[in-house]
Full PDB file with SEQRES, HELIX, SHEET, SSBOND, CRYST1, ORIGX, SCALE, CONECT and MASTER records, all heavy atoms in Angstrom:
SEQRES   1 A   33  THR HIS THR VAL THR TRP ALA ALA HIS ARG LEU VAL GLN          
SEQRES   2 A   33  GLU CYS MET PRO SER CYS TYR TYR ASP LEU ASP ILE ASN          
SEQRES   3 A   33  THR HIS GLY LEU LEU GLY VAL                                  
HELIX    1 AA1 TRP A    6  CYS A   15  1                                  10    
HELIX    2 AA2 TYR A   20  ASP A   22  5                                   3    
CRYST1    1.000    1.000    1.000  90.00  90.00  90.00 P 1           1          
ORIGX1      1.000000  0.000000  0.000000        0.00000                         
ORIGX2      0.000000  1.000000  0.000000        0.00000                         
ORIGX3      0.000000  0.000000  1.000000        0.00000                         
SCALE1      1.000000  0.000000  0.000000        0.00000                         
SCALE2      0.000000  1.000000  0.000000        0.00000                         
SCALE3      0.000000  0.000000  1.000000        0.00000                         
ATOM      1  N   THR A   1      66.253  48.603 181.908  1.00  0.00           N  
ATOM      2  CA  THR A   1      65.591  47.643 182.804  1.00  0.00           C  
ATOM      3  C   THR A   1      64.136  47.386 182.401  1.00  0.00           C  
ATOM      4  O   THR A   1      63.466  46.579 183.020  1.00  0.00           O  
ATOM      5  CB  THR A   1      65.643  48.132 184.264  1.00  0.00           C  
ATOM      6  OG1 THR A   1      65.053  49.449 184.360  1.00  0.00           O  
ATOM      7  CG2 THR A   1      67.080  48.150 184.740  1.00  0.00           C  
ATOM      8  N   HIS A   2      63.642  48.105 181.379  1.00  0.00           N  
ATOM      9  CA  HIS A   2      62.241  47.964 181.039  1.00  0.00           C  
ATOM     10  C   HIS A   2      62.145  47.931 179.497  1.00  0.00           C  
ATOM     11  O   HIS A   2      63.015  48.375 178.777  1.00  0.00           O  
ATOM     12  CB  HIS A   2      61.391  49.115 181.585  1.00  0.00           C  
ATOM     13  CG  HIS A   2      61.215  49.109 183.043  1.00  0.00           C  
ATOM     14  ND1 HIS A   2      62.199  49.554 183.916  1.00  0.00           N  
ATOM     15  CD2 HIS A   2      60.194  48.651 183.824  1.00  0.00           C  
ATOM     16  CE1 HIS A   2      61.776  49.416 185.155  1.00  0.00           C  
ATOM     17  NE2 HIS A   2      60.562  48.888 185.127  1.00  0.00           N  
ATOM     18  N   THR A   3      60.968  47.460 179.020  1.00  0.00           N  
ATOM     19  CA  THR A   3      60.721  47.470 177.620  1.00  0.00           C  
ATOM     20  C   THR A   3      60.533  48.940 177.136  1.00  0.00           C  
ATOM     21  O   THR A   3      60.246  49.876 177.936  1.00  0.00           O  
ATOM     22  CB  THR A   3      59.401  46.746 177.275  1.00  0.00           C  
ATOM     23  OG1 THR A   3      58.298  47.403 177.893  1.00  0.00           O  
ATOM     24  CG2 THR A   3      59.459  45.332 177.731  1.00  0.00           C  
ATOM     25  N   VAL A   4      60.767  49.156 175.864  1.00  0.00           N  
ATOM     26  CA  VAL A   4      60.580  50.521 175.290  1.00  0.00           C  
ATOM     27  C   VAL A   4      59.146  51.025 175.532  1.00  0.00           C  
ATOM     28  O   VAL A   4      58.963  52.156 175.879  1.00  0.00           O  
ATOM     29  CB  VAL A   4      60.912  50.515 173.784  1.00  0.00           C  
ATOM     30  CG1 VAL A   4      60.581  51.856 173.175  1.00  0.00           C  
ATOM     31  CG2 VAL A   4      62.394  50.155 173.593  1.00  0.00           C  
ATOM     32  N   THR A   5      58.171  50.148 175.348  1.00  0.00           N  
ATOM     33  CA  THR A   5      56.806  50.571 175.468  1.00  0.00           C  
ATOM     34  C   THR A   5      56.329  50.801 176.894  1.00  0.00           C  
ATOM     35  O   THR A   5      55.263  51.360 177.136  1.00  0.00           O  
ATOM     36  CB  THR A   5      55.846  49.522 174.828  1.00  0.00           C  
ATOM     37  OG1 THR A   5      56.106  48.248 175.411  1.00  0.00           O  
ATOM     38  CG2 THR A   5      56.072  49.465 173.352  1.00  0.00           C  
ATOM     39  N   TRP A   6      57.163  50.459 177.881  1.00  0.00           N  
ATOM     40  CA  TRP A   6      56.849  50.755 179.272  1.00  0.00           C  
ATOM     41  C   TRP A   6      56.826  52.233 179.577  1.00  0.00           C  
ATOM     42  O   TRP A   6      56.249  52.735 180.544  1.00  0.00           O  
ATOM     43  CB  TRP A   6      57.862  50.088 180.192  1.00  0.00           C  
ATOM     44  CG  TRP A   6      57.605  50.357 181.637  1.00  0.00           C  
ATOM     45  CD1 TRP A   6      56.689  49.811 182.429  1.00  0.00           C  
ATOM     46  CD2 TRP A   6      58.407  51.258 182.470  1.00  0.00           C  
ATOM     47  NE1 TRP A   6      56.800  50.292 183.744  1.00  0.00           N  
ATOM     48  CE2 TRP A   6      57.821  51.202 183.762  1.00  0.00           C  
ATOM     49  CE3 TRP A   6      59.485  52.090 182.215  1.00  0.00           C  
ATOM     50  CZ2 TRP A   6      58.339  51.945 184.790  1.00  0.00           C  
ATOM     51  CZ3 TRP A   6      59.970  52.850 183.255  1.00  0.00           C  
ATOM     52  CH2 TRP A   6      59.404  52.776 184.546  1.00  0.00           C  
ATOM     53  N   ALA A   7      57.474  53.018 178.710  1.00  0.00           N  
ATOM     54  CA  ALA A   7      57.567  54.478 178.935  1.00  0.00           C  
ATOM     55  C   ALA A   7      56.189  55.106 179.070  1.00  0.00           C  
ATOM     56  O   ALA A   7      56.014  56.093 179.843  1.00  0.00           O  
ATOM     57  CB  ALA A   7      58.371  55.113 177.807  1.00  0.00           C  
ATOM     58  N   ALA A   8      55.186  54.620 178.345  1.00  0.00           N  
ATOM     59  CA  ALA A   8      53.845  55.213 178.497  1.00  0.00           C  
ATOM     60  C   ALA A   8      53.303  54.968 179.848  1.00  0.00           C  
ATOM     61  O   ALA A   8      52.647  55.870 180.417  1.00  0.00           O  
ATOM     62  CB  ALA A   8      52.947  54.614 177.392  1.00  0.00           C  
ATOM     63  N   HIS A   9      53.487  53.790 180.407  1.00  0.00           N  
ATOM     64  CA  HIS A   9      53.001  53.551 181.793  1.00  0.00           C  
ATOM     65  C   HIS A   9      53.680  54.469 182.791  1.00  0.00           C  
ATOM     66  O   HIS A   9      53.004  54.972 183.713  1.00  0.00           O  
ATOM     67  CB  HIS A   9      53.282  52.060 182.130  1.00  0.00           C  
ATOM     68  CG  HIS A   9      52.430  51.091 181.398  1.00  0.00           C  
ATOM     69  ND1 HIS A   9      51.331  50.485 181.916  1.00  0.00           N  
ATOM     70  CD2 HIS A   9      52.460  50.622 180.146  1.00  0.00           C  
ATOM     71  CE1 HIS A   9      50.746  49.734 181.043  1.00  0.00           C  
ATOM     72  NE2 HIS A   9      51.418  49.735 179.930  1.00  0.00           N  
ATOM     73  N   ARG A  10      54.974  54.701 182.622  1.00  0.00           N  
ATOM     74  CA  ARG A  10      55.677  55.521 183.522  1.00  0.00           C  
ATOM     75  C   ARG A  10      55.155  56.932 183.504  1.00  0.00           C  
ATOM     76  O   ARG A  10      54.938  57.616 184.519  1.00  0.00           O  
ATOM     77  CB  ARG A  10      57.180  55.500 183.226  1.00  0.00           C  
ATOM     78  CG  ARG A  10      58.021  56.372 184.149  1.00  0.00           C  
ATOM     79  CD  ARG A  10      59.482  56.275 183.812  1.00  0.00           C  
ATOM     80  NE  ARG A  10      59.765  56.764 182.462  1.00  0.00           N  
ATOM     81  CZ  ARG A  10      60.872  56.581 181.804  1.00  0.00           C  
ATOM     82  NH1 ARG A  10      61.828  55.841 182.352  1.00  0.00           N  
ATOM     83  NH2 ARG A  10      61.039  57.060 180.576  1.00  0.00           N  
ATOM     84  N   LEU A  11      54.902  57.433 182.269  1.00  0.00           N  
ATOM     85  CA  LEU A  11      54.404  58.810 182.158  1.00  0.00           C  
ATOM     86  C   LEU A  11      53.001  58.971 182.787  1.00  0.00           C  
ATOM     87  O   LEU A  11      52.801  59.959 183.494  1.00  0.00           O  
ATOM     88  CB  LEU A  11      54.317  59.192 180.628  1.00  0.00           C  
ATOM     89  CG  LEU A  11      53.756  60.590 180.334  1.00  0.00           C  
ATOM     90  CD1 LEU A  11      54.676  61.687 180.903  1.00  0.00           C  
ATOM     91  CD2 LEU A  11      53.578  60.786 178.846  1.00  0.00           C  
ATOM     92  N   VAL A  12      52.112  58.014 182.544  1.00  0.00           N  
ATOM     93  CA  VAL A  12      50.771  58.104 183.117  1.00  0.00           C  
ATOM     94  C   VAL A  12      50.824  58.002 184.661  1.00  0.00           C  
ATOM     95  O   VAL A  12      50.128  58.754 185.329  1.00  0.00           O  
ATOM     96  CB  VAL A  12      49.865  56.982 182.558  1.00  0.00           C  
ATOM     97  CG1 VAL A  12      48.506  56.977 183.260  1.00  0.00           C  
ATOM     98  CG2 VAL A  12      49.700  57.173 181.034  1.00  0.00           C  
ATOM     99  N   GLN A  13      51.727  57.150 185.142  1.00  0.00           N  
ATOM    100  CA  GLN A  13      51.841  57.047 186.606  1.00  0.00           C  
ATOM    101  C   GLN A  13      52.350  58.354 187.205  1.00  0.00           C  
ATOM    102  O   GLN A  13      51.912  58.716 188.317  1.00  0.00           O  
ATOM    103  CB  GLN A  13      52.788  55.887 186.946  1.00  0.00           C  
ATOM    104  CG  GLN A  13      52.795  55.538 188.430  1.00  0.00           C  
ATOM    105  CD  GLN A  13      53.526  54.247 188.721  1.00  0.00           C  
ATOM    106  OE1 GLN A  13      54.467  53.884 187.982  1.00  0.00           O  
ATOM    107  NE2 GLN A  13      53.112  53.513 189.717  1.00  0.00           N  
ATOM    108  N   GLU A  14      53.251  59.045 186.547  1.00  0.00           N  
ATOM    109  CA  GLU A  14      53.805  60.288 187.052  1.00  0.00           C  
ATOM    110  C   GLU A  14      52.774  61.404 186.918  1.00  0.00           C  
ATOM    111  O   GLU A  14      52.651  62.271 187.816  1.00  0.00           O  
ATOM    112  CB  GLU A  14      55.066  60.662 186.279  1.00  0.00           C  
ATOM    113  CG  GLU A  14      56.230  59.755 186.546  1.00  0.00           C  
ATOM    114  CD  GLU A  14      57.414  60.043 185.651  1.00  0.00           C  
ATOM    115  OE1 GLU A  14      57.260  60.879 184.694  1.00  0.00           O  
ATOM    116  OE2 GLU A  14      58.532  59.499 185.842  1.00  0.00           O  
ATOM    117  N   CYS A  15      52.023  61.446 185.837  1.00  0.00           N  
ATOM    118  CA  CYS A  15      51.076  62.526 185.597  1.00  0.00           C  
ATOM    119  C   CYS A  15      49.742  62.346 186.306  1.00  0.00           C  
ATOM    120  O   CYS A  15      49.094  63.365 186.653  1.00  0.00           O  
ATOM    121  CB  CYS A  15      50.770  62.654 184.074  1.00  0.00           C  
ATOM    122  SG  CYS A  15      52.137  63.249 183.108  1.00  0.00           S  
ATOM    123  N   MET A  16      49.324  61.142 186.488  1.00  0.00           N  
ATOM    124  CA  MET A  16      48.006  60.833 187.041  1.00  0.00           C  
ATOM    125  C   MET A  16      48.042  59.803 188.159  1.00  0.00           C  
ATOM    126  O   MET A  16      47.395  58.758 188.067  1.00  0.00           O  
ATOM    127  CB  MET A  16      47.058  60.335 185.885  1.00  0.00           C  
ATOM    128  CG  MET A  16      47.078  61.270 184.708  1.00  0.00           C  
ATOM    129  SD  MET A  16      46.348  60.516 183.189  1.00  0.00           S  
ATOM    130  CE  MET A  16      47.290  61.367 181.897  1.00  0.00           C  
ATOM    131  N   PRO A  17      48.812  60.057 189.167  1.00  0.00           N  
ATOM    132  CA  PRO A  17      49.015  59.039 190.220  1.00  0.00           C  
ATOM    133  C   PRO A  17      47.738  58.653 190.927  1.00  0.00           C  
ATOM    134  O   PRO A  17      47.609  57.530 191.319  1.00  0.00           O  
ATOM    135  CB  PRO A  17      50.016  59.704 191.183  1.00  0.00           C  
ATOM    136  CG  PRO A  17      49.887  61.164 190.892  1.00  0.00           C  
ATOM    137  CD  PRO A  17      49.560  61.275 189.471  1.00  0.00           C  
ATOM    138  N   SER A  18      46.765  59.585 191.114  1.00  0.00           N  
ATOM    139  CA  SER A  18      45.590  59.286 191.871  1.00  0.00           C  
ATOM    140  C   SER A  18      44.661  58.281 191.198  1.00  0.00           C  
ATOM    141  O   SER A  18      43.939  57.542 191.827  1.00  0.00           O  
ATOM    142  CB  SER A  18      44.756  60.579 192.141  1.00  0.00           C  
ATOM    143  OG  SER A  18      45.548  61.464 192.903  1.00  0.00           O  
ATOM    144  N   CYS A  19      44.731  58.204 189.864  1.00  0.00           N  
ATOM    145  CA  CYS A  19      43.792  57.295 189.126  1.00  0.00           C  
ATOM    146  C   CYS A  19      44.577  56.298 188.302  1.00  0.00           C  
ATOM    147  O   CYS A  19      43.970  55.601 187.483  1.00  0.00           O  
ATOM    148  CB  CYS A  19      42.799  58.121 188.333  1.00  0.00           C  
ATOM    149  SG  CYS A  19      43.594  59.146 187.052  1.00  0.00           S  
ATOM    150  N   TYR A  20      45.865  56.221 188.442  1.00  0.00           N  
ATOM    151  CA  TYR A  20      46.705  55.296 187.592  1.00  0.00           C  
ATOM    152  C   TYR A  20      46.147  53.903 187.584  1.00  0.00           C  
ATOM    153  O   TYR A  20      46.053  53.250 186.517  1.00  0.00           O  
ATOM    154  CB  TYR A  20      48.108  55.368 188.061  1.00  0.00           C  
ATOM    155  CG  TYR A  20      49.046  54.363 187.385  1.00  0.00           C  
ATOM    156  CD1 TYR A  20      49.395  54.497 186.044  1.00  0.00           C  
ATOM    157  CD2 TYR A  20      49.528  53.270 188.071  1.00  0.00           C  
ATOM    158  CE1 TYR A  20      50.201  53.560 185.423  1.00  0.00           C  
ATOM    159  CE2 TYR A  20      50.340  52.289 187.476  1.00  0.00           C  
ATOM    160  CZ  TYR A  20      50.677  52.475 186.140  1.00  0.00           C  
ATOM    161  OH  TYR A  20      51.494  51.528 185.531  1.00  0.00           O  
ATOM    162  N   TYR A  21      45.812  53.401 188.737  1.00  0.00           N  
ATOM    163  CA  TYR A  21      45.371  51.990 188.834  1.00  0.00           C  
ATOM    164  C   TYR A  21      43.885  51.780 188.389  1.00  0.00           C  
ATOM    165  O   TYR A  21      43.478  50.645 188.368  1.00  0.00           O  
ATOM    166  CB  TYR A  21      45.579  51.462 190.267  1.00  0.00           C  
ATOM    167  CG  TYR A  21      47.003  51.348 190.632  1.00  0.00           C  
ATOM    168  CD1 TYR A  21      47.607  52.320 191.467  1.00  0.00           C  
ATOM    169  CD2 TYR A  21      47.831  50.388 190.095  1.00  0.00           C  
ATOM    170  CE1 TYR A  21      48.947  52.279 191.770  1.00  0.00           C  
ATOM    171  CE2 TYR A  21      49.179  50.328 190.440  1.00  0.00           C  
ATOM    172  CZ  TYR A  21      49.748  51.241 191.270  1.00  0.00           C  
ATOM    173  OH  TYR A  21      51.091  51.218 191.592  1.00  0.00           O  
ATOM    174  N   ASP A  22      43.236  52.898 188.033  1.00  0.00           N  
ATOM    175  CA  ASP A  22      41.861  52.779 187.461  1.00  0.00           C  
ATOM    176  C   ASP A  22      41.899  52.806 185.948  1.00  0.00           C  
ATOM    177  O   ASP A  22      40.815  52.774 185.378  1.00  0.00           O  
ATOM    178  CB  ASP A  22      41.017  53.937 187.980  1.00  0.00           C  
ATOM    179  CG  ASP A  22      40.797  53.825 189.538  1.00  0.00           C  
ATOM    180  OD1 ASP A  22      40.504  52.712 189.971  1.00  0.00           O  
ATOM    181  OD2 ASP A  22      40.913  54.862 190.194  1.00  0.00           O  
ATOM    182  N   LEU A  23      43.060  52.922 185.352  1.00  0.00           N  
ATOM    183  CA  LEU A  23      43.142  53.101 183.963  1.00  0.00           C  
ATOM    184  C   LEU A  23      43.795  51.904 183.246  1.00  0.00           C  
ATOM    185  O   LEU A  23      44.700  51.257 183.776  1.00  0.00           O  
ATOM    186  CB  LEU A  23      43.970  54.347 183.605  1.00  0.00           C  
ATOM    187  CG  LEU A  23      43.428  55.673 184.132  1.00  0.00           C  
ATOM    188  CD1 LEU A  23      44.480  56.761 184.012  1.00  0.00           C  
ATOM    189  CD2 LEU A  23      42.140  56.047 183.376  1.00  0.00           C  
ATOM    190  N   ASP A  24      43.348  51.666 182.026  1.00  0.00           N  
ATOM    191  CA  ASP A  24      44.020  50.775 181.093  1.00  0.00           C  
ATOM    192  C   ASP A  24      44.874  51.614 180.144  1.00  0.00           C  
ATOM    193  O   ASP A  24      44.337  52.563 179.542  1.00  0.00           O  
ATOM    194  CB  ASP A  24      43.033  49.949 180.280  1.00  0.00           C  
ATOM    195  CG  ASP A  24      42.745  48.617 180.926  1.00  0.00           C  
ATOM    196  OD1 ASP A  24      43.593  48.125 181.728  1.00  0.00           O  
ATOM    197  OD2 ASP A  24      41.623  48.050 180.685  1.00  0.00           O  
ATOM    198  N   ILE A  25      46.160  51.290 180.007  1.00  0.00           N  
ATOM    199  CA  ILE A  25      47.036  51.991 179.094  1.00  0.00           C  
ATOM    200  C   ILE A  25      47.302  51.112 177.896  1.00  0.00           C  
ATOM    201  O   ILE A  25      47.964  50.084 178.005  1.00  0.00           O  
ATOM    202  CB  ILE A  25      48.342  52.365 179.800  1.00  0.00           C  
ATOM    203  CG1 ILE A  25      48.027  53.213 181.060  1.00  0.00           C  
ATOM    204  CG2 ILE A  25      49.285  53.126 178.878  1.00  0.00           C  
ATOM    205  CD1 ILE A  25      49.175  53.289 182.021  1.00  0.00           C  
ATOM    206  N   ASN A  26      46.735  51.464 176.746  1.00  0.00           N  
ATOM    207  CA  ASN A  26      46.743  50.637 175.577  1.00  0.00           C  
ATOM    208  C   ASN A  26      47.736  51.147 174.543  1.00  0.00           C  
ATOM    209  O   ASN A  26      47.499  52.250 173.983  1.00  0.00           O  
ATOM    210  CB  ASN A  26      45.344  50.582 174.966  1.00  0.00           C  
ATOM    211  CG  ASN A  26      44.249  50.221 176.019  1.00  0.00           C  
ATOM    212  OD1 ASN A  26      44.261  49.114 176.507  1.00  0.00           O  
ATOM    213  ND2 ASN A  26      43.380  51.134 176.315  1.00  0.00           N  
ATOM    214  N   THR A  27      48.815  50.443 174.298  1.00  0.00           N  
ATOM    215  CA  THR A  27      49.761  50.813 173.294  1.00  0.00           C  
ATOM    216  C   THR A  27      49.312  50.158 171.978  1.00  0.00           C  
ATOM    217  O   THR A  27      49.395  48.946 171.829  1.00  0.00           O  
ATOM    218  CB  THR A  27      51.209  50.389 173.662  1.00  0.00           C  
ATOM    219  OG1 THR A  27      51.560  51.087 174.846  1.00  0.00           O  
ATOM    220  CG2 THR A  27      52.180  50.682 172.526  1.00  0.00           C  
ATOM    221  N   HIS A  28      48.872  50.985 171.029  1.00  0.00           N  
ATOM    222  CA  HIS A  28      48.268  50.474 169.823  1.00  0.00           C  
ATOM    223  C   HIS A  28      49.361  50.156 168.782  1.00  0.00           C  
ATOM    224  O   HIS A  28      49.133  49.197 167.959  1.00  0.00           O  
ATOM    225  CB  HIS A  28      47.256  51.468 169.250  1.00  0.00           C  
ATOM    226  CG  HIS A  28      46.073  51.681 170.152  1.00  0.00           C  
ATOM    227  ND1 HIS A  28      45.031  50.825 170.210  1.00  0.00           N  
ATOM    228  CD2 HIS A  28      45.862  52.675 171.028  1.00  0.00           C  
ATOM    229  CE1 HIS A  28      44.182  51.236 171.112  1.00  0.00           C  
ATOM    230  NE2 HIS A  28      44.650  52.361 171.650  1.00  0.00           N  
ATOM    231  N   GLY A  29      50.418  50.853 168.737  1.00  0.00           N  
ATOM    232  CA  GLY A  29      51.465  50.636 167.749  1.00  0.00           C  
ATOM    233  C   GLY A  29      52.172  51.887 167.417  1.00  0.00           C  
ATOM    234  O   GLY A  29      52.031  52.942 168.066  1.00  0.00           O  
ATOM    235  N   LEU A  30      52.943  51.858 166.317  1.00  0.00           N  
ATOM    236  CA  LEU A  30      53.781  52.975 165.949  1.00  0.00           C  
ATOM    237  C   LEU A  30      53.178  53.751 164.785  1.00  0.00           C  
ATOM    238  O   LEU A  30      52.647  53.155 163.842  1.00  0.00           O  
ATOM    239  CB  LEU A  30      55.175  52.453 165.535  1.00  0.00           C  
ATOM    240  CG  LEU A  30      55.951  51.696 166.629  1.00  0.00           C  
ATOM    241  CD1 LEU A  30      57.338  51.283 166.063  1.00  0.00           C  
ATOM    242  CD2 LEU A  30      56.095  52.521 167.936  1.00  0.00           C  
ATOM    243  N   LEU A  31      53.330  55.080 164.845  1.00  0.00           N  
ATOM    244  CA  LEU A  31      52.978  55.951 163.731  1.00  0.00           C  
ATOM    245  C   LEU A  31      54.210  56.383 162.931  1.00  0.00           C  
ATOM    246  O   LEU A  31      54.108  56.880 161.814  1.00  0.00           O  
ATOM    247  CB  LEU A  31      52.278  57.226 164.287  1.00  0.00           C  
ATOM    248  CG  LEU A  31      51.040  57.015 165.094  1.00  0.00           C  
ATOM    249  CD1 LEU A  31      50.579  58.263 165.738  1.00  0.00           C  
ATOM    250  CD2 LEU A  31      49.885  56.453 164.168  1.00  0.00           C  
ATOM    251  N   GLY A  32      55.383  56.142 163.530  1.00  0.00           N  
ATOM    252  CA  GLY A  32      56.596  56.534 162.818  1.00  0.00           C  
ATOM    253  C   GLY A  32      57.831  56.093 163.586  1.00  0.00           C  
ATOM    254  O   GLY A  32      57.767  55.804 164.800  1.00  0.00           O  
ATOM    255  N   VAL A  33      58.964  56.061 162.903  1.00  0.00           N  
ATOM    256  CA  VAL A  33      60.280  55.665 163.458  1.00  0.00           C  
ATOM    257  C   VAL A  33      61.304  56.652 162.966  1.00  0.00           C  
ATOM    258  O   VAL A  33      61.374  56.915 161.714  1.00  0.00           O  
ATOM    259  CB  VAL A  33      60.691  54.239 163.100  1.00  0.00           C  
ATOM    260  CG1 VAL A  33      62.076  53.914 163.687  1.00  0.00           C  
ATOM    261  CG2 VAL A  33      59.655  53.196 163.570  1.00  0.00           C  
TER     262      VAL A  33                                                      
MASTER        0    0    0    2    0    0    0    6  261    1    0    3          
END                                                                             
């Protein structure tokens, strides 16, 4: 139901719920496949 890169947003929201909306989550690209 989500893009592959959405996983980073989900992890930050779970780990840092108190400040999640104060953060920019920047996916720069891939280091490997």
